[in-house]
PDB file of N, CA and C in Angstrom:
ATOM      1  N   UNK A   1      59.418-118.601   6.262  1.00  0.00           N
ATOM      2  CA  UNK A   1      58.479-119.341   7.352  1.00  0.00           C
ATOM      3  C   UNK A   1      58.753-118.291   8.267  1.00  0.00           C
ATOM      4  N   UNK A   2      59.708-117.475   8.835  1.00  0.00           N
ATOM      5  CA  UNK A   2      59.481-116.775  10.000  1.00  0.00           C
ATOM      6  C   UNK A   2      58.954-115.491   9.455  1.00  0.00           C
ATOM      7  N   UNK A   3      59.720-114.989   8.304  1.00  0.00           N
ATOM      8  CA  UNK A   3      59.337-113.754   7.564  1.00  0.00           C
ATOM      9  C   UNK A   3      57.882-113.601   7.461  1.00  0.00           C
ATOM     10  N   UNK A   4      57.114-114.640   7.164  1.00  0.00           N
ATOM     11  CA  UNK A   4      55.664-114.870   6.612  1.00  0.00           C
ATOM     12  C   UNK A   4      54.779-114.790   8.225  1.00  0.00           C
ATOM     13  N   UNK A   5      55.381-115.123   9.233  1.00  0.00           N
ATOM     14  CA  UNK A   5      54.747-115.290  10.622  1.00  0.00           C
ATOM     15  C   UNK A   5      54.975-113.774  10.786  1.00  0.00           C
ATOM     16  N   UNK A   6      56.312-113.031  11.001  1.00  0.00           N
ATOM     17  CA  UNK A   6      56.477-111.641  11.515  1.00  0.00           C
ATOM     18  C   UNK A   6      55.267-110.691  10.351  1.00  0.00           C
ATOM     19  N   UNK A   7      55.255-110.946   8.882  1.00  0.00           N
ATOM     20  CA  UNK A   7      54.068-109.929   8.444  1.00  0.00           C
ATOM     21  C   UNK A   7      52.953-110.438   8.766  1.00  0.00           C
ATOM     22  N   UNK A   8      52.404-111.478   9.227  1.00  0.00           N
ATOM     23  CA  UNK A   8      51.138-111.702   9.544  1.00  0.00           C
ATOM     24  C   UNK A   8      50.739-110.949  11.200  1.00  0.00           C
ATOM     25  N   UNK A   9      51.723-111.425  11.915  1.00  0.00           N
ATOM     26  CA  UNK A   9      51.832-110.507  13.354  1.00  0.00           C
ATOM     27  C   UNK A   9      51.480-108.898  13.142  1.00  0.00           C
ATOM     28  N   UNK A  10      52.412-108.460  12.274  1.00  0.00           N
ATOM     29  CA  UNK A  10      52.064-107.301  11.841  1.00  0.00           C
ATOM     30  C   UNK A  10      50.870-106.630  11.322  1.00  0.00           C
ATOM     31  N   UNK A  11      50.421-107.561  10.365  1.00  0.00           N
ATOM     32  CA  UNK A  11      49.117-107.266   9.965  1.00  0.00           C
ATOM     33  C   UNK A  11      47.894-107.403  10.969  1.00  0.00           C
ATOM     34  N   UNK A  12      48.119-108.180  11.833  1.00  0.00           N
ATOM     35  CA  UNK A  12      46.840-108.257  12.715  1.00  0.00           C
ATOM     36  C   UNK A  12      47.072-106.975  13.817  1.00  0.00           C
ATOM     37  N   UNK A  13      48.259-106.357  14.127  1.00  0.00           N
ATOM     38  CA  UNK A  13      48.020-105.399  14.882  1.00  0.00           C
ATOM     39  C   UNK A  13      48.025-103.805  14.267  1.00  0.00           C
ATOM     40  N   UNK A  14      48.317-104.166  13.031  1.00  0.00           N
ATOM     41  CA  UNK A  14      48.186-102.895  12.270  1.00  0.00           C
ATOM     42  C   UNK A  14      46.674-102.143  12.586  1.00  0.00           C
ATOM     43  N   UNK A  15      46.680-101.057  12.776  1.00  0.00           N
ATOM     44  CA  UNK A  15      45.483-100.409  12.944  1.00  0.00           C
ATOM     45  C   UNK A  15      44.676-100.514  11.823  1.00  0.00           C
ATOM     46  N   UNK A  16      43.245-100.428  11.812  1.00  0.00           N
ATOM     47  CA  UNK A  16      42.450-100.563  10.349  1.00  0.00           C
ATOM     48  C   UNK A  16      42.334 -99.256  10.642  1.00  0.00           C
ATOM     49  N   UNK A  17      42.098 -98.702   8.896  1.00  0.00           N
ATOM     50  CA  UNK A  17      41.437 -97.582   8.643  1.00  0.00           C
ATOM     51  C   UNK A  17      40.176 -97.158   8.663  1.00  0.00           C
ATOM     52  N   UNK A  18      39.784 -95.980   8.981  1.00  0.00           N
ATOM     53  CA  UNK A  18      38.254 -95.370   9.114  1.00  0.00           C
ATOM     54  C   UNK A  18      37.819 -95.562   7.388  1.00  0.00           C
ATOM     55  N   UNK A  19      36.842 -95.695   7.153  1.00  0.00           N
ATOM     56  CA  UNK A  19      36.339 -95.439   5.807  1.00  0.00           C
ATOM     57  C   UNK A  19      35.796 -93.961   5.911  1.00  0.00           C
ATOM     58  N   UNK A  20      36.251 -93.064   5.918  1.00  0.00           N
ATOM     59  CA  UNK A  20      35.986 -91.620   5.651  1.00  0.00           C
ATOM     60  C   UNK A  20      34.768 -91.164   4.578  1.00  0.00           C
ATOM     61  N   UNK A  21      34.917 -91.403   3.580  1.00  0.00           N
ATOM     62  CA  UNK A  21      34.173 -91.160   2.440  1.00  0.00           C
ATOM     63  C   UNK A  21      32.712 -91.761   2.740  1.00  0.00           C
ATOM     64  N   UNK A  22      32.651 -93.134   3.120  1.00  0.00           N
ATOM     65  CA  UNK A  22      31.438 -93.825   3.328  1.00  0.00           C
ATOM     66  C   UNK A  22      30.965 -93.147   4.735  1.00  0.00           C
ATOM     67  N   UNK A  23      31.617 -92.759   5.734  1.00  0.00           N
ATOM     68  CA  UNK A  23      30.922 -92.061   6.929  1.00  0.00           C
ATOM     69  C   UNK A  23      30.445 -90.827   6.294  1.00  0.00           C
ATOM     70  N   UNK A  24      31.215 -90.172   5.579  1.00  0.00           N
ATOM     71  CA  UNK A  24      30.595 -88.591   5.042  1.00  0.00           C
ATOM     72  C   UNK A  24      29.524 -88.705   4.198  1.00  0.00           C
ATOM     73  N   UNK A  25      29.331 -89.693   3.396  1.00  0.00           N
ATOM     74  CA  UNK A  25      28.137 -90.026   2.957  1.00  0.00           C
ATOM     75  C   UNK A  25      26.810 -90.258   3.603  1.00  0.00           C
ATOM     76  N   UNK A  26      27.249 -91.262   4.615  1.00  0.00           N
ATOM     77  CA  UNK A  26      26.048 -91.665   5.402  1.00  0.00           C
ATOM     78  C   UNK A  26      25.407 -90.705   6.330  1.00  0.00           C
ATOM     79  N   UNK A  27      26.543 -89.661   6.617  1.00  0.00           N
ATOM     80  CA  UNK A  27      26.357 -88.264   7.625  1.00  0.00           C
ATOM     81  C   UNK A  27      25.207 -87.229   6.535  1.00  0.00           C
ATOM     82  N   UNK A  28      25.810 -87.318   4.921  1.00  0.00           N
ATOM     83  CA  UNK A  28      24.771 -86.461   4.554  1.00  0.00           C
ATOM     84  C   UNK A  28      23.578 -86.778   3.750  1.00  0.00           C
ATOM     85  N   UNK A  29      23.414 -88.175   3.749  1.00  0.00           N
ATOM     86  CA  UNK A  29      22.235 -88.781   3.685  1.00  0.00           C
ATOM     87  C   UNK A  29      21.364 -88.633   4.661  1.00  0.00           C
ATOM     88  N   UNK A  30      21.813 -88.751   5.971  1.00  0.00           N
ATOM     89  CA  UNK A  30      21.221 -88.386   7.309  1.00  0.00           C
ATOM     90  C   UNK A  30      20.752 -86.679   7.795  1.00  0.00           C
ATOM     91  N   UNK A  31      21.342 -86.231   6.751  1.00  0.00           N
ATOM     92  CA  UNK A  31      21.430 -84.825   7.137  1.00  0.00           C
ATOM     93  C   UNK A  31      22.037 -84.223   8.217  1.00  0.00           C
ATOM     94  N   UNK A  32      23.050 -84.903   8.740  1.00  0.00           N
ATOM     95  CA  UNK A  32      23.685 -84.837  10.186  1.00  0.00           C
ATOM     96  C   UNK A  32      25.060 -84.130   9.675  1.00  0.00           C
ATOM     97  N   UNK A  33      25.596 -83.187  10.583  1.00  0.00           N
ATOM     98  CA  UNK A  33      26.719 -82.837  10.701  1.00  0.00           C
ATOM     99  C   UNK A  33      27.772 -83.665  11.509  1.00  0.00           C
ATOM    100  N   UNK A  34      28.856 -83.866  11.459  1.00  0.00           N
ATOM    101  CA  UNK A  34      30.001 -84.389  11.801  1.00  0.00           C
ATOM    102  C   UNK A  34      29.897 -83.807  13.381  1.00  0.00           C
ATOM    103  N   UNK A  35      29.936 -82.670  13.524  1.00  0.00           N
ATOM    104  CA  UNK A  35      30.147 -82.165  15.010  1.00  0.00           C
ATOM    105  C   UNK A  35      28.767 -82.679  15.918  1.00  0.00           C
ATOM    106  N   UNK A  36      27.607 -82.753  15.153  1.00  0.00           N
ATOM    107  CA  UNK A  36      26.502 -83.150  15.509  1.00  0.00           C
ATOM    108  C   UNK A  36      26.288 -84.502  16.089  1.00  0.00           C
ATOM    109  N   UNK A  37      27.000 -85.591  15.211  1.00  0.00           N
ATOM    110  CA  UNK A  37      27.230 -86.806  15.646  1.00  0.00           C
ATOM    111  C   UNK A  37      28.263 -87.014  16.801  1.00  0.00           C
ATOM    112  N   UNK A  38      29.218 -86.726  16.721  1.00  0.00           N
ATOM    113  CA  UNK A  38      30.192 -86.441  17.683  1.00  0.00           C
ATOM    114  C   UNK A  38      29.711 -86.285  19.060  1.00  0.00           C
ATOM    115  N   UNK A  39      29.139 -85.135  19.218  1.00  0.00           N
ATOM    116  CA  UNK A  39      28.372 -84.733  20.736  1.00  0.00           C
ATOM    117  C   UNK A  39      27.188 -85.732  20.984  1.00  0.00           C
ATOM    118  N   UNK A  40      26.660 -85.991  20.092  1.00  0.00           N
ATOM    119  CA  UNK A  40      25.564 -87.305  20.288  1.00  0.00           C
ATOM    120  C   UNK A  40      26.183 -88.560  20.935  1.00  0.00           C
ATOM    121  N   UNK A  41      27.235 -88.889  20.476  1.00  0.00           N
ATOM    122  CA  UNK A  41      27.709 -90.286  21.164  1.00  0.00           C
ATOM    123  C   UNK A  41      29.134 -89.837  22.080  1.00  0.00           C
ATOM    124  N   UNK A  42      29.066 -88.405  22.409  1.00  0.00           N
ATOM    125  CA  UNK A  42      29.981 -88.129  23.510  1.00  0.00           C
ATOM    126  C   UNK A  42      31.493 -87.977  23.408  1.00  0.00           C
ATOM    127  N   UNK A  43      31.459 -87.781  22.322  1.00  0.00           N
ATOM    128  CA  UNK A  43      33.036 -86.684  21.739  1.00  0.00           C
ATOM    129  C   UNK A  43      33.090 -85.571  21.487  1.00  0.00           C
ATOM    130  N   UNK A  44      34.253 -84.865  21.737  1.00  0.00           N
ATOM    131  CA  UNK A  44      34.331 -83.631  21.059  1.00  0.00           C
ATOM    132  C   UNK A  44      34.398 -83.253  19.809  1.00  0.00           C
ATOM    133  N   UNK A  45      34.137 -82.585  18.984  1.00  0.00           N
ATOM    134  CA  UNK A  45      34.156 -82.408  17.599  1.00  0.00           C
ATOM    135  C   UNK A  45      35.385 -82.500  16.999  1.00  0.00           C
ATOM    136  N   UNK A  46      36.579 -81.963  17.715  1.00  0.00           N
ATOM    137  CA  UNK A  46      37.977 -82.243  17.290  1.00  0.00           C
ATOM    138  C   UNK A  46      38.159 -83.604  17.267  1.00  0.00           C
ATOM    139  N   UNK A  47      37.910 -84.362  18.215  1.00  0.00           N
ATOM    140  CA  UNK A  47      38.540 -85.762  18.305  1.00  0.00           C
ATOM    141  C   UNK A  47      37.652 -86.475  17.246  1.00  0.00           C
ATOM    142  N   UNK A  48      36.639 -86.563  17.152  1.00  0.00           N
ATOM    143  CA  UNK A  48      36.145 -86.998  16.514  1.00  0.00           C
ATOM    144  C   UNK A  48      36.611 -87.048  14.619  1.00  0.00           C
ATOM    145  N   UNK A  49      36.637 -85.706  14.488  1.00  0.00           N
ATOM    146  CA  UNK A  49      37.335 -85.437  13.177  1.00  0.00           C
ATOM    147  C   UNK A  49      38.328 -86.059  13.073  1.00  0.00           C
ATOM    148  N   UNK A  50      39.352 -85.881  13.967  1.00  0.00           N
ATOM    149  CA  UNK A  50      40.859 -86.921  13.998  1.00  0.00           C
ATOM    150  C   UNK A  50      40.409 -88.440  13.891  1.00  0.00           C
ATOM    151  N   UNK A  51      39.304 -88.963  14.368  1.00  0.00           N
ATOM    152  CA  UNK A  51      39.174 -90.141  14.017  1.00  0.00           C
ATOM    153  C   UNK A  51      38.637 -90.411  13.026  1.00  0.00           C
ATOM    154  N   UNK A  52      37.666 -89.576  12.158  1.00  0.00           N
ATOM    155  CA  UNK A  52      37.308 -89.882  10.631  1.00  0.00           C
ATOM    156  C   UNK A  52      38.619 -89.883   9.889  1.00  0.00           C
ATOM    157  N   UNK A  53      39.416 -89.107  10.232  1.00  0.00           N
ATOM    158  CA  UNK A  53      40.296 -89.002   9.356  1.00  0.00           C
ATOM    159  C   UNK A  53      41.687 -89.599   9.640  1.00  0.00           C
ATOM    160  N   UNK A  54      41.582 -90.631  10.182  1.00  0.00           N
ATOM    161  CA  UNK A  54      42.644 -91.646  10.859  1.00  0.00           C
ATOM    162  C   UNK A  54      43.679 -90.826  11.642  1.00  0.00           C
ATOM    163  N   UNK A  55      43.391 -89.910  12.230  1.00  0.00           N
ATOM    164  CA  UNK A  55      44.538 -89.127  12.908  1.00  0.00           C
ATOM    165  C   UNK A  55      44.582 -89.821  14.293  1.00  0.00           C
ATOM    166  N   UNK A  56      43.566 -90.302  14.838  1.00  0.00           N
ATOM    167  CA  UNK A  56      42.982 -90.981  15.982  1.00  0.00           C
ATOM    168  C   UNK A  56      42.339 -92.366  15.748  1.00  0.00           C
ATOM    169  N   UNK A  57      42.521 -93.156  16.752  1.00  0.00           N
ATOM    170  CA  UNK A  57      42.001 -94.346  17.015  1.00  0.00           C
ATOM    171  C   UNK A  57      40.778 -93.998  17.786  1.00  0.00           C
ATOM    172  N   UNK A  58      39.539 -94.884  17.060  1.00  0.00           N
ATOM    173  CA  UNK A  58      38.478 -94.636  18.015  1.00  0.00           C
ATOM    174  C   UNK A  58      38.380 -96.170  19.071  1.00  0.00           C
ATOM    175  N   UNK A  59      37.931 -95.756  20.021  1.00  0.00           N
ATOM    176  CA  UNK A  59      37.705 -96.804  20.970  1.00  0.00           C
ATOM    177  C   UNK A  59      36.111 -96.576  21.263  1.00  0.00           C
ATOM    178  N   UNK A  60      35.332 -97.615  21.166  1.00  0.00           N
ATOM    179  CA  UNK A  60      33.980 -97.678  21.355  1.00  0.00           C
ATOM    180  C   UNK A  60      33.721 -98.598  22.163  1.00  0.00           C
ATOM    181  N   UNK A  61      32.646 -98.122  23.460  1.00  0.00           N
ATOM    182  CA  UNK A  61      32.452 -99.097  24.360  1.00  0.00           C
ATOM    183  C   UNK A  61      30.998 -99.827  24.123  1.00  0.00           C
ATOM    184  N   UNK A  62      30.870-100.646  24.854  1.00  0.00           N
ATOM    185  CA  UNK A  62      29.301-101.397  24.254  1.00  0.00           C
ATOM    186  C   UNK A  62      28.122-100.320  24.364  1.00  0.00           C
ATOM    187  N   UNK A  63      28.402 -99.173  25.004  1.00  0.00           N
ATOM    188  CA  UNK A  63      27.134 -98.437  25.045  1.00  0.00           C
ATOM    189  C   UNK A  63      27.150 -97.306  23.742  1.00  0.00           C
ATOM    190  N   UNK A  64      28.161 -97.043  23.386  1.00  0.00           N
ATOM    191  CA  UNK A  64      28.515 -95.972  22.184  1.00  0.00           C
ATOM    192  C   UNK A  64      27.896 -96.723  20.934  1.00  0.00           C
ATOM    193  N   UNK A  65      28.451 -97.934  20.800  1.00  0.00           N
ATOM    194  CA  UNK A  65      28.420 -98.762  19.914  1.00  0.00           C
ATOM    195  C   UNK A  65      27.062 -98.669  18.978  1.00  0.00           C
ATOM    196  N   UNK A  66      26.342 -98.899  20.009  1.00  0.00           N
ATOM    197  CA  UNK A  66      24.808 -99.412  19.328  1.00  0.00           C
ATOM    198  C   UNK A  66      24.129 -98.157  19.111  1.00  0.00           C
ATOM    199  N   UNK A  67      24.512 -96.749  20.180  1.00  0.00           N
ATOM    200  CA  UNK A  67      23.771 -95.601  19.618  1.00  0.00           C
ATOM    201  C   UNK A  67      24.569 -94.836  18.356  1.00  0.00           C
ATOM    202  N   UNK A  68      25.503 -95.377  18.149  1.00  0.00           N
ATOM    203  CA  UNK A  68      26.268 -94.714  16.723  1.00  0.00           C
ATOM    204  C   UNK A  68      25.700 -95.662  15.456  1.00  0.00           C
ATOM    205  N   UNK A  69      25.485 -96.615  15.860  1.00  0.00           N
ATOM    206  CA  UNK A  69      24.410 -97.730  14.788  1.00  0.00           C
ATOM    207  C   UNK A  69      23.080 -97.161  14.720  1.00  0.00           C
ATOM    208  N   UNK A  70      22.403 -96.699  15.489  1.00  0.00           N
ATOM    209  CA  UNK A  70      20.887 -96.195  15.532  1.00  0.00           C
ATOM    210  C   UNK A  70      21.057 -94.623  15.040  1.00  0.00           C
ATOM    211  N   UNK A  71      22.123 -94.213  15.374  1.00  0.00           N
ATOM    212  CA  UNK A  71      22.073 -92.617  14.733  1.00  0.00           C
ATOM    213  C   UNK A  71      22.382 -92.641  13.122  1.00  0.00           C
ATOM    214  N   UNK A  72      23.093 -93.704  12.748  1.00  0.00           N
ATOM    215  CA  UNK A  72      23.625 -93.611  11.430  1.00  0.00           C
ATOM    216  C   UNK A  72      22.549 -94.845  10.680  1.00  0.00           C
ATOM    217  N   UNK A  73      21.567 -95.324  11.280  1.00  0.00           N
ATOM    218  CA  UNK A  73      20.561 -96.115  10.831  1.00  0.00           C
ATOM    219  C   UNK A  73      21.426 -97.324  10.203  1.00  0.00           C
ATOM    220  N   UNK A  74      22.232 -97.993  10.453  1.00  0.00           N
ATOM    221  CA  UNK A  74      22.907 -98.827   9.817  1.00  0.00           C
ATOM    222  C   UNK A  74      23.162-100.323  11.122  1.00  0.00           C
ATOM    223  N   UNK A  75      23.637-101.543  10.437  1.00  0.00           N
ATOM    224  CA  UNK A  75      23.595-102.467  11.685  1.00  0.00           C
ATOM    225  C   UNK A  75      24.756-102.425  12.267  1.00  0.00           C
ATOM    226  N   UNK A  76      24.976-102.930  13.564  1.00  0.00           N
ATOM    227  CA  UNK A  76      26.317-102.797  14.200  1.00  0.00           C
ATOM    228  C   UNK A  76      27.284-103.646  13.880  1.00  0.00           C
ATOM    229  N   UNK A  77      27.178-104.437  12.696  1.00  0.00           N
ATOM    230  CA  UNK A  77      28.354-104.673  11.853  1.00  0.00           C
ATOM    231  C   UNK A  77      28.712-104.011  10.848  1.00  0.00           C
ATOM    232  N   UNK A  78      27.958-103.212  10.689  1.00  0.00           N
ATOM    233  CA  UNK A  78      28.324-101.991   9.374  1.00  0.00           C
ATOM    234  C   UNK A  78      29.074-100.850  10.405  1.00  0.00           C
ATOM    235  N   UNK A  79      28.843-100.502  11.576  1.00  0.00           N
ATOM    236  CA  UNK A  79      29.609 -99.704  12.370  1.00  0.00           C
ATOM    237  C   UNK A  79      31.213-100.164  12.417  1.00  0.00           C
ATOM    238  N   UNK A  80      31.499-101.510  12.892  1.00  0.00           N
ATOM    239  CA  UNK A  80      32.453-102.098  13.008  1.00  0.00           C
ATOM    240  C   UNK A  80      33.323-101.844  11.901  1.00  0.00           C
ATOM    241  N   UNK A  81      32.857-101.920  10.763  1.00  0.00           N
ATOM    242  CA  UNK A  81      33.483-102.028   9.313  1.00  0.00           C
ATOM    243  C   UNK A  81      33.557-100.800   8.800  1.00  0.00           C
ATOM    244  N   UNK A  82      33.084 -99.766   9.102  1.00  0.00           N
ATOM    245  CA  UNK A  82      33.174 -98.322   8.676  1.00  0.00           C
ATOM    246  C   UNK A  82      34.156 -97.759   9.813  1.00  0.00           C
ATOM    247  N   UNK A  83      34.338 -98.405  10.735  1.00  0.00           N
ATOM    248  CA  UNK A  83      35.239 -97.496  11.565  1.00  0.00           C
ATOM    249  C   UNK A  83      36.747 -98.519  12.003  1.00  0.00           C
ATOM    250  N   UNK A  84      36.249 -99.641  11.209  1.00  0.00           N
ATOM    251  CA  UNK A  84      37.626-100.060  11.088  1.00  0.00           C
ATOM    252  C   UNK A  84      38.122-101.026  12.346  1.00  0.00           C
ATOM    253  N   UNK A  85      37.135-101.200  13.086  1.00  0.00           N
ATOM    254  CA  UNK A  85      37.021-102.403  14.022  1.00  0.00           C
ATOM    255  C   UNK A  85      37.116-103.745  14.003  1.00  0.00           C
ATOM    256  N   UNK A  86      37.602-104.268  14.644  1.00  0.00           N
ATOM    257  CA  UNK A  86      37.839-106.019  14.487  1.00  0.00           C
ATOM    258  C   UNK A  86      36.409-106.434  14.990  1.00  0.00           C
ATOM    259  N   UNK A  87      36.161-105.807  16.150  1.00  0.00           N
ATOM    260  CA  UNK A  87      34.738-106.035  16.819  1.00  0.00           C
ATOM    261  C   UNK A  87      34.559-105.166  17.846  1.00  0.00           C
ATOM    262  N   UNK A  88      33.287-105.259  18.420  1.00  0.00           N
ATOM    263  CA  UNK A  88      33.117-104.409  19.735  1.00  0.00           C
ATOM    264  C   UNK A  88      32.945-105.153  20.798  1.00  0.00           C
ATOM    265  N   UNK A  89      34.044-104.248  21.958  1.00  0.00           N
ATOM    266  CA  UNK A  89      34.196-105.082  23.264  1.00  0.00           C
ATOM    267  C   UNK A  89      32.534-105.533  23.948  1.00  0.00           C
ATOM    268  N   UNK A  90      32.451-106.289  24.528  1.00  0.00           N
ATOM    269  CA  UNK A  90      31.352-106.685  25.304  1.00  0.00           C
ATOM    270  C   UNK A  90      31.494-107.056  26.574  1.00  0.00           C
ATOM    271  N   UNK A  91      32.892-107.040  27.154  1.00  0.00           N
ATOM    272  CA  UNK A  91      32.840-107.665  28.547  1.00  0.00           C
ATOM    273  C   UNK A  91      33.307-106.614  29.297  1.00  0.00           C
ATOM    274  N   UNK A  92      33.283-105.106  28.937  1.00  0.00           N
ATOM    275  CA  UNK A  92      33.806-104.039  29.472  1.00  0.00           C
ATOM    276  C   UNK A  92      32.764-103.599  30.960  1.00  0.00           C
ATOM    277  N   UNK A  93      33.476-103.343  31.952  1.00  0.00           N
ATOM    278  CA  UNK A  93      32.933-102.619  33.284  1.00  0.00           C
ATOM    279  C   UNK A  93      32.165-101.440  32.754  1.00  0.00           C
ATOM    280  N   UNK A  94      31.552-100.884  33.717  1.00  0.00           N
ATOM    281  CA  UNK A  94      30.670 -99.433  33.721  1.00  0.00           C
ATOM    282  C   UNK A  94      31.986 -98.380  33.593  1.00  0.00           C
ATOM    283  N   UNK A  95      33.047 -98.649  34.044  1.00  0.00           N
ATOM    284  CA  UNK A  95      33.941 -97.687  33.732  1.00  0.00           C
ATOM    285  C   UNK A  95      34.934 -97.756  32.283  1.00  0.00           C
ATOM    286  N   UNK A  96      34.339 -98.647  31.642  1.00  0.00           N
ATOM    287  CA  UNK A  96      34.831 -98.714  30.287  1.00  0.00           C
ATOM    288  C   UNK A  96      36.487 -99.598  30.301  1.00  0.00           C
ATOM    289  N   UNK A  97      36.554-100.108  31.735  1.00  0.00           N
ATOM    290  CA  UNK A  97      37.626-100.991  31.488  1.00  0.00           C
ATOM    291  C   UNK A  97      37.539-102.615  31.649  1.00  0.00           C
ATOM    292  N   UNK A  98      38.177-103.667  31.024  1.00  0.00           N
ATOM    293  CA  UNK A  98      38.197-104.934  31.514  1.00  0.00           C
ATOM    294  C   UNK A  98      38.258-105.206  32.747  1.00  0.00           C
ATOM    295  N   UNK A  99      37.450-106.010  33.217  1.00  0.00           N
ATOM    296  CA  UNK A  99      37.604-106.559  34.705  1.00  0.00           C
ATOM    297  C   UNK A  99      38.993-107.383  34.899  1.00  0.00           C
ATOM    298  N   UNK A 100      39.577-107.191  35.638  1.00  0.00           N
ATOM    299  CA  UNK A 100      40.978-108.157  35.983  1.00  0.00           C
ATOM    300  C   UNK A 100      40.645-109.642  36.278  1.00  0.00           C
ATOM    301  N   UNK A 101      41.339-110.239  36.412  1.00  0.00           N
ATOM    302  CA  UNK A 101      41.093-111.792  36.480  1.00  0.00           C
ATOM    303  C   UNK A 101      41.057-111.984  38.232  1.00  0.00           C
ATOM    304  N   UNK A 102      41.916-111.015  38.726  1.00  0.00           N
ATOM    305  CA  UNK A 102      41.675-111.149  40.227  1.00  0.00           C
ATOM    306  C   UNK A 102      40.385-110.334  40.543  1.00  0.00           C
ATOM    307  N   UNK A 103      39.431-109.615  40.169  1.00  0.00           N
ATOM    308  CA  UNK A 103      38.126-109.077  40.396  1.00  0.00           C
ATOM    309  C   UNK A 103      37.168-110.188  40.070  1.00  0.00           C
ATOM    310  N   UNK A 104      37.498-110.986  39.671  1.00  0.00           N
ATOM    311  CA  UNK A 104      36.387-111.992  38.855  1.00  0.00           C
ATOM    312  C   UNK A 104      35.912-112.981  40.063  1.00  0.00           C
TER     313      UNK A 104
END
């Protein structure tokens, strides 16, 4: 019972993988270069390349996620699936951080 609980906790916190091949196929379909997409959503090409190849975790704020969906021509739910996200945070402040309870 405890082992099963530990495995469930580990799988919950395990980083989900980016679907590299599907993202690259979308980029080819849209005639976009990876570096162009990176710049349009506010990442350096090197950082975005590391995200695509699962070397860095992507952190999308509520402003970048819809822009990424629009550029790729897919729904927001598809962006979360392609980039291995559980969901897009919606309660972030302008600075990209969650407001603390003391600020509310």
